[in-house]
Amino acid sequence: MPARHVSRVRALYRRILLLHRALPPDLKALGDQYVKDEFRRHKTVGSDEAQRFMQEWEATVLWQQTNENRQNSTENVCFGAALPEEKLNDFRDEQIGQLQELMQEATKPNRQFSITESRKPKF
């Protein structure tokens, strides 16, 4: 794999994790774990699938940056977006299952990740 591609993948991965810092702690933990798993799963794919993977994640980063800028200017905070049916038709069954699991985890009232902000110790 060319060094340029590896550098591009690492830069994208770091950018995604950086954008996740703006999320509430439980969604940040969920998102970070999801991204980590996705990048690992696609580590050994062919060049065509790797290119598509990178394009989709780069588009996601652009959307996330736009959404973050919009949230900075308003009080109304919203996470996520509707996925068009034509995109869903391109997914494999395994990917649909992963997406379903992610949606269920992100929308259930008692998330698996129960993270609180760290507090300064009281002396």
N, C-alpha and C. Protein backbone atom coordinates (compact mmCIF):
# COMPACT_ATOMS: atom_id res chain seq x y z
N MET A 1 0.85 -1.17 0.00
CA MET A 1 0.00 0.00 0.00
C MET A 1 0.90 1.24 0.00
N PRO A 2 0.65 2.16 -0.91
CA PRO A 2 1.50 3.35 -1.00
C PRO A 2 1.46 4.19 0.28
N ALA A 3 2.61 4.78 0.59
CA ALA A 3 2.72 5.59 1.81
C ALA A 3 1.73 6.76 1.78
N ARG A 4 1.45 7.29 0.61
CA ARG A 4 0.52 8.41 0.50
C ARG A 4 -0.88 8.00 0.95
N HIS A 5 -1.30 6.80 0.57
CA HIS A 5 -2.62 6.30 0.97
C HIS A 5 -2.67 6.12 2.49
N VAL A 6 -1.65 5.53 3.05
CA VAL A 6 -1.59 5.30 4.50
C VAL A 6 -1.67 6.63 5.23
N SER A 7 -0.94 7.61 4.74
CA SER A 7 -0.96 8.94 5.36
C SER A 7 -2.36 9.56 5.28
N ARG A 8 -3.02 9.40 4.15
CA ARG A 8 -4.37 9.93 3.96
C ARG A 8 -5.36 9.26 4.91
N VAL A 9 -5.24 7.94 5.07
CA VAL A 9 -6.12 7.19 5.97
C VAL A 9 -5.92 7.65 7.41
N ARG A 10 -4.67 7.78 7.83
CA ARG A 10 -4.38 8.21 9.20
C ARG A 10 -4.89 9.62 9.46
N ALA A 11 -4.71 10.52 8.51
CA ALA A 11 -5.18 11.89 8.67
C ALA A 11 -6.71 11.94 8.80
N LEU A 12 -7.38 11.14 7.98
CA LEU A 12 -8.85 11.08 8.05
C LEU A 12 -9.30 10.52 9.39
N TYR A 13 -8.67 9.46 9.84
CA TYR A 13 -9.00 8.84 11.12
C TYR A 13 -8.84 9.84 12.26
N ARG A 14 -7.72 10.55 12.28
CA ARG A 14 -7.48 11.56 13.32
C ARG A 14 -8.52 12.68 13.26
N ARG A 15 -8.89 13.10 12.05
CA ARG A 15 -9.86 14.18 11.89
C ARG A 15 -11.23 13.75 12.44
N ILE A 16 -11.62 12.53 12.17
CA ILE A 16 -12.90 12.02 12.67
C ILE A 16 -12.91 12.02 14.19
N LEU A 17 -11.84 11.49 14.79
CA LEU A 17 -11.77 11.46 16.26
C LEU A 17 -11.76 12.87 16.85
N LEU A 18 -11.12 13.79 16.16
CA LEU A 18 -11.11 15.18 16.61
C LEU A 18 -12.52 15.77 16.57
N LEU A 19 -13.26 15.49 15.52
CA LEU A 19 -14.63 15.99 15.42
C LEU A 19 -15.53 15.37 16.49
N HIS A 20 -15.24 14.15 16.89
CA HIS A 20 -16.04 13.48 17.92
C HIS A 20 -15.91 14.17 19.28
N ARG A 21 -14.89 14.98 19.47
CA ARG A 21 -14.72 15.68 20.74
C ARG A 21 -15.89 16.62 21.03
N ALA A 22 -16.59 17.04 19.99
CA ALA A 22 -17.73 17.96 20.16
C ALA A 22 -19.00 17.22 20.59
N LEU A 23 -18.98 15.90 20.55
CA LEU A 23 -20.17 15.11 20.91
C LEU A 23 -20.29 14.97 22.42
N PRO A 24 -21.51 14.70 22.88
CA PRO A 24 -21.66 14.36 24.31
C PRO A 24 -20.81 13.12 24.61
N PRO A 25 -20.32 12.97 25.84
CA PRO A 25 -19.38 11.89 26.17
C PRO A 25 -19.84 10.48 25.75
N ASP A 26 -21.11 10.15 25.96
CA ASP A 26 -21.56 8.80 25.61
C ASP A 26 -21.57 8.58 24.10
N LEU A 27 -21.98 9.61 23.33
CA LEU A 27 -21.96 9.48 21.87
C LEU A 27 -20.53 9.49 21.34
N LYS A 28 -19.65 10.24 21.99
CA LYS A 28 -18.24 10.26 21.59
C LYS A 28 -17.64 8.86 21.74
N ALA A 29 -17.89 8.22 22.88
CA ALA A 29 -17.36 6.87 23.11
C ALA A 29 -17.91 5.89 22.08
N LEU A 30 -19.20 5.97 21.80
CA LEU A 30 -19.82 5.09 20.82
C LEU A 30 -19.24 5.35 19.42
N GLY A 31 -19.15 6.61 19.05
CA GLY A 31 -18.60 6.98 17.74
C GLY A 31 -17.15 6.59 17.58
N ASP A 32 -16.34 6.84 18.61
CA ASP A 32 -14.92 6.48 18.54
C ASP A 32 -14.74 4.98 18.35
N GLN A 33 -15.52 4.19 19.09
CA GLN A 33 -15.41 2.74 18.97
C GLN A 33 -15.87 2.27 17.58
N TYR A 34 -16.94 2.87 17.08
CA TYR A 34 -17.45 2.50 15.76
C TYR A 34 -16.41 2.80 14.68
N VAL A 35 -15.82 3.99 14.74
CA VAL A 35 -14.82 4.38 13.74
C VAL A 35 -13.62 3.44 13.80
N LYS A 36 -13.17 3.16 15.02
CA LYS A 36 -12.03 2.26 15.20
C LYS A 36 -12.32 0.90 14.57
N ASP A 37 -13.49 0.35 14.84
CA ASP A 37 -13.88 -0.95 14.29
C ASP A 37 -13.98 -0.91 12.77
N GLU A 38 -14.58 0.15 12.23
CA GLU A 38 -14.74 0.27 10.78
C GLU A 38 -13.39 0.36 10.07
N PHE A 39 -12.48 1.16 10.60
CA PHE A 39 -11.17 1.28 9.96
C PHE A 39 -10.41 -0.03 10.04
N ARG A 40 -10.54 -0.76 11.14
CA ARG A 40 -9.89 -2.08 11.24
C ARG A 40 -10.49 -3.06 10.24
N ARG A 41 -11.82 -3.05 10.11
CA ARG A 41 -12.49 -3.98 9.19
C ARG A 41 -12.06 -3.74 7.74
N HIS A 42 -11.75 -2.51 7.41
CA HIS A 42 -11.41 -2.18 6.03
C HIS A 42 -9.91 -2.10 5.77
N LYS A 43 -9.13 -2.56 6.71
CA LYS A 43 -7.68 -2.48 6.59
C LYS A 43 -7.13 -3.33 5.45
N THR A 44 -7.79 -4.44 5.15
CA THR A 44 -7.26 -5.38 4.15
C THR A 44 -8.13 -5.50 2.91
N VAL A 45 -9.03 -4.56 2.67
CA VAL A 45 -9.91 -4.64 1.50
C VAL A 45 -9.15 -4.28 0.23
N GLY A 46 -9.75 -4.60 -0.91
CA GLY A 46 -9.15 -4.26 -2.19
C GLY A 46 -9.16 -2.77 -2.44
N SER A 47 -8.46 -2.35 -3.48
CA SER A 47 -8.29 -0.92 -3.74
C SER A 47 -9.61 -0.23 -4.09
N ASP A 48 -10.51 -0.90 -4.82
CA ASP A 48 -11.79 -0.28 -5.16
C ASP A 48 -12.63 -0.02 -3.92
N GLU A 49 -12.72 -1.03 -3.04
CA GLU A 49 -13.51 -0.86 -1.82
C GLU A 49 -12.84 0.15 -0.89
N ALA A 50 -11.51 0.16 -0.84
CA ALA A 50 -10.80 1.12 0.00
C ALA A 50 -11.06 2.55 -0.49
N GLN A 51 -11.08 2.73 -1.79
CA GLN A 51 -11.35 4.06 -2.34
C GLN A 51 -12.77 4.51 -1.99
N ARG A 52 -13.72 3.62 -2.14
CA ARG A 52 -15.11 3.96 -1.80
C ARG A 52 -15.26 4.25 -0.31
N PHE A 53 -14.60 3.45 0.53
CA PHE A 53 -14.61 3.64 1.97
C PHE A 53 -14.10 5.04 2.31
N MET A 54 -12.97 5.42 1.72
CA MET A 54 -12.39 6.74 1.99
C MET A 54 -13.32 7.86 1.51
N GLN A 55 -13.92 7.70 0.35
CA GLN A 55 -14.82 8.73 -0.16
C GLN A 55 -16.02 8.92 0.76
N GLU A 56 -16.59 7.83 1.24
CA GLU A 56 -17.75 7.92 2.12
C GLU A 56 -17.38 8.58 3.45
N TRP A 57 -16.24 8.20 4.01
CA TRP A 57 -15.83 8.80 5.28
C TRP A 57 -15.45 10.26 5.12
N GLU A 58 -14.83 10.60 4.00
CA GLU A 58 -14.50 12.01 3.75
C GLU A 58 -15.78 12.84 3.61
N ALA A 59 -16.79 12.29 2.95
CA ALA A 59 -18.07 12.99 2.84
C ALA A 59 -18.72 13.14 4.21
N THR A 60 -18.58 12.11 5.05
CA THR A 60 -19.13 12.17 6.40
C THR A 60 -18.44 13.26 7.21
N VAL A 61 -17.13 13.38 7.06
CA VAL A 61 -16.38 14.42 7.78
C VAL A 61 -16.84 15.80 7.33
N LEU A 62 -17.01 15.98 6.03
CA LEU A 62 -17.48 17.28 5.53
C LEU A 62 -18.86 17.60 6.10
N TRP A 63 -19.75 16.61 6.12
CA TRP A 63 -21.09 16.83 6.68
C TRP A 63 -21.00 17.17 8.16
N GLN A 64 -20.13 16.44 8.89
CA GLN A 64 -19.99 16.65 10.33
C GLN A 64 -19.44 18.05 10.62
N GLN A 65 -18.48 18.51 9.80
CA GLN A 65 -17.92 19.84 10.00
C GLN A 65 -18.98 20.91 9.73
N THR A 66 -19.77 20.72 8.69
CA THR A 66 -20.84 21.66 8.37
C THR A 66 -21.86 21.70 9.49
N ASN A 67 -22.25 20.54 9.99
CA ASN A 67 -23.22 20.44 11.07
C ASN A 67 -22.67 21.09 12.34
N GLU A 68 -21.39 20.88 12.61
CA GLU A 68 -20.76 21.47 13.80
C GLU A 68 -20.78 23.00 13.71
N ASN A 69 -20.48 23.53 12.54
CA ASN A 69 -20.51 24.99 12.35
C ASN A 69 -21.92 25.53 12.55
N ARG A 70 -22.91 24.81 12.05
CA ARG A 70 -24.30 25.23 12.19
C ARG A 70 -24.70 25.21 13.67
N GLN A 71 -24.25 24.20 14.40
CA GLN A 71 -24.59 24.09 15.83
C GLN A 71 -23.93 25.18 16.65
N ASN A 72 -22.76 25.63 16.22
CA ASN A 72 -22.08 26.70 16.94
C ASN A 72 -22.85 28.01 16.84
N SER A 73 -23.68 28.15 15.82
CA SER A 73 -24.40 29.41 15.63
C SER A 73 -25.84 29.35 16.16
N THR A 74 -26.31 28.17 16.57
CA THR A 74 -27.68 28.05 17.09
C THR A 74 -27.71 27.21 18.35
N GLU A 75 -28.82 27.28 19.05
CA GLU A 75 -28.99 26.49 20.27
C GLU A 75 -29.48 25.08 19.99
N ASN A 76 -30.13 24.86 18.85
CA ASN A 76 -30.76 23.59 18.53
C ASN A 76 -29.71 22.57 18.09
N VAL A 77 -29.40 21.58 18.92
CA VAL A 77 -28.38 20.59 18.62
C VAL A 77 -29.04 19.32 18.12
N CYS A 78 -28.55 18.81 17.00
CA CYS A 78 -29.08 17.59 16.41
C CYS A 78 -27.92 16.75 15.92
N PHE A 79 -27.93 15.46 16.23
CA PHE A 79 -26.87 14.56 15.78
C PHE A 79 -27.47 13.55 14.82
N GLY A 80 -26.72 13.23 13.77
CA GLY A 80 -27.16 12.24 12.80
C GLY A 80 -27.86 12.86 11.62
N ALA A 81 -28.16 12.02 10.65
CA ALA A 81 -28.85 12.46 9.44
C ALA A 81 -29.58 11.27 8.84
N ALA A 82 -30.58 11.58 8.05
CA ALA A 82 -31.31 10.53 7.34
C ALA A 82 -30.42 9.97 6.24
N LEU A 83 -30.49 8.67 6.07
CA LEU A 83 -29.70 8.01 5.04
C LEU A 83 -30.62 7.75 3.84
N PRO A 84 -30.29 8.32 2.68
CA PRO A 84 -31.15 8.13 1.51
C PRO A 84 -31.27 6.65 1.12
N GLU A 85 -32.43 6.30 0.60
CA GLU A 85 -32.69 4.90 0.24
C GLU A 85 -31.70 4.38 -0.80
N GLU A 86 -31.27 5.24 -1.73
CA GLU A 86 -30.32 4.78 -2.75
C GLU A 86 -28.97 4.39 -2.15
N LYS A 87 -28.59 5.03 -1.04
CA LYS A 87 -27.36 4.63 -0.34
C LYS A 87 -27.57 3.29 0.36
N LEU A 88 -28.73 3.11 0.98
CA LEU A 88 -29.02 1.85 1.66
C LEU A 88 -29.00 0.67 0.69
N ASN A 89 -29.45 0.89 -0.53
CA ASN A 89 -29.47 -0.18 -1.53
C ASN A 89 -28.07 -0.65 -1.90
N ASP A 90 -27.05 0.19 -1.68
CA ASP A 90 -25.67 -0.17 -1.99
C ASP A 90 -25.01 -0.99 -0.88
N PHE A 91 -25.62 -1.05 0.29
CA PHE A 91 -25.02 -1.73 1.43
C PHE A 91 -25.19 -3.24 1.33
N ARG A 92 -24.19 -3.96 1.85
CA ARG A 92 -24.30 -5.41 1.98
C ARG A 92 -25.15 -5.71 3.22
N ASP A 93 -25.65 -6.93 3.32
CA ASP A 93 -26.47 -7.33 4.47
C ASP A 93 -25.73 -7.11 5.78
N GLU A 94 -24.44 -7.42 5.80
CA GLU A 94 -23.63 -7.24 7.01
C GLU A 94 -23.60 -5.76 7.41
N GLN A 95 -23.47 -4.88 6.43
CA GLN A 95 -23.43 -3.45 6.72
C GLN A 95 -24.77 -2.94 7.24
N ILE A 96 -25.86 -3.46 6.68
CA ILE A 96 -27.20 -3.08 7.16
C ILE A 96 -27.35 -3.50 8.62
N GLY A 97 -26.87 -4.70 8.95
CA GLY A 97 -26.92 -5.18 10.33
C GLY A 97 -26.12 -4.29 11.27
N GLN A 98 -24.93 -3.88 10.84
CA GLN A 98 -24.09 -2.99 11.66
C GLN A 98 -24.77 -1.64 11.86
N LEU A 99 -25.36 -1.14 10.81
CA LEU A 99 -26.05 0.14 10.88
C LEU A 99 -27.24 0.06 11.83
N GLN A 100 -27.97 -1.05 11.77
CA GLN A 100 -29.11 -1.27 12.68
C GLN A 100 -28.65 -1.31 14.13
N GLU A 101 -27.55 -2.03 14.39
CA GLU A 101 -27.01 -2.11 15.75
C GLU A 101 -26.56 -0.74 16.25
N LEU A 102 -25.92 0.03 15.38
CA LEU A 102 -25.47 1.36 15.76
C LEU A 102 -26.65 2.27 16.08
N MET A 103 -27.70 2.20 15.25
CA MET A 103 -28.89 3.02 15.50
C MET A 103 -29.53 2.63 16.83
N GLN A 104 -29.64 1.35 17.09
CA GLN A 104 -30.26 0.90 18.34
C GLN A 104 -29.45 1.36 19.55
N GLU A 105 -28.15 1.26 19.46
CA GLU A 105 -27.29 1.67 20.58
C GLU A 105 -27.36 3.18 20.79
N ALA A 106 -27.39 3.94 19.71
CA ALA A 106 -27.39 5.39 19.82
C ALA A 106 -28.73 5.95 20.28
N THR A 107 -29.81 5.20 20.09
CA THR A 107 -31.13 5.74 20.43
C THR A 107 -31.75 5.13 21.69
N LYS A 108 -31.13 4.11 22.26
CA LYS A 108 -31.75 3.53 23.46
C LYS A 108 -31.51 4.44 24.66
N PRO A 109 -32.47 4.44 25.60
CA PRO A 109 -32.38 5.37 26.73
C PRO A 109 -31.20 5.10 27.66
N ASN A 110 -30.87 3.84 27.89
CA ASN A 110 -29.74 3.50 28.76
C ASN A 110 -28.64 2.92 27.89
N ARG A 111 -27.79 3.79 27.38
CA ARG A 111 -26.73 3.35 26.48
C ARG A 111 -25.72 2.48 27.20
N GLN A 112 -25.05 1.65 26.41
CA GLN A 112 -24.01 0.78 26.94
C GLN A 112 -22.90 1.61 27.57
N PHE A 113 -22.62 2.76 26.97
CA PHE A 113 -21.56 3.62 27.45
C PHE A 113 -22.15 4.63 28.42
N SER A 114 -21.81 4.53 29.66
CA SER A 114 -22.27 5.47 30.66
C SER A 114 -21.05 6.22 31.17
N ILE A 115 -20.73 7.30 30.50
CA ILE A 115 -19.52 8.03 30.80
C ILE A 115 -19.90 9.40 31.35
N THR A 116 -19.23 9.79 32.40
CA THR A 116 -19.47 11.11 32.96
C THR A 116 -18.19 11.92 32.84
N GLU A 117 -18.35 13.21 32.85
CA GLU A 117 -17.20 14.10 32.80
C GLU A 117 -16.36 13.89 34.05
N SER A 118 -15.05 13.93 33.90
CA SER A 118 -14.20 13.79 35.07
C SER A 118 -14.27 15.04 35.92
N ARG A 119 -14.26 14.84 37.19
CA ARG A 119 -14.35 15.97 38.12
C ARG A 119 -13.03 16.09 38.87
N LYS A 120 -12.77 17.31 39.32
CA LYS A 120 -11.57 17.51 40.12
C LYS A 120 -11.79 16.90 41.49
N PRO A 121 -10.79 16.23 42.02
CA PRO A 121 -10.94 15.63 43.35
C PRO A 121 -11.10 16.71 44.41
N LYS A 122 -11.93 16.42 45.39
CA LYS A 122 -12.15 17.35 46.49
C LYS A 122 -11.13 17.05 47.58
N PHE A 123 -10.48 18.06 48.05
CA PHE A 123 -9.48 17.90 49.12
C PHE A 123 -9.99 18.44 50.41
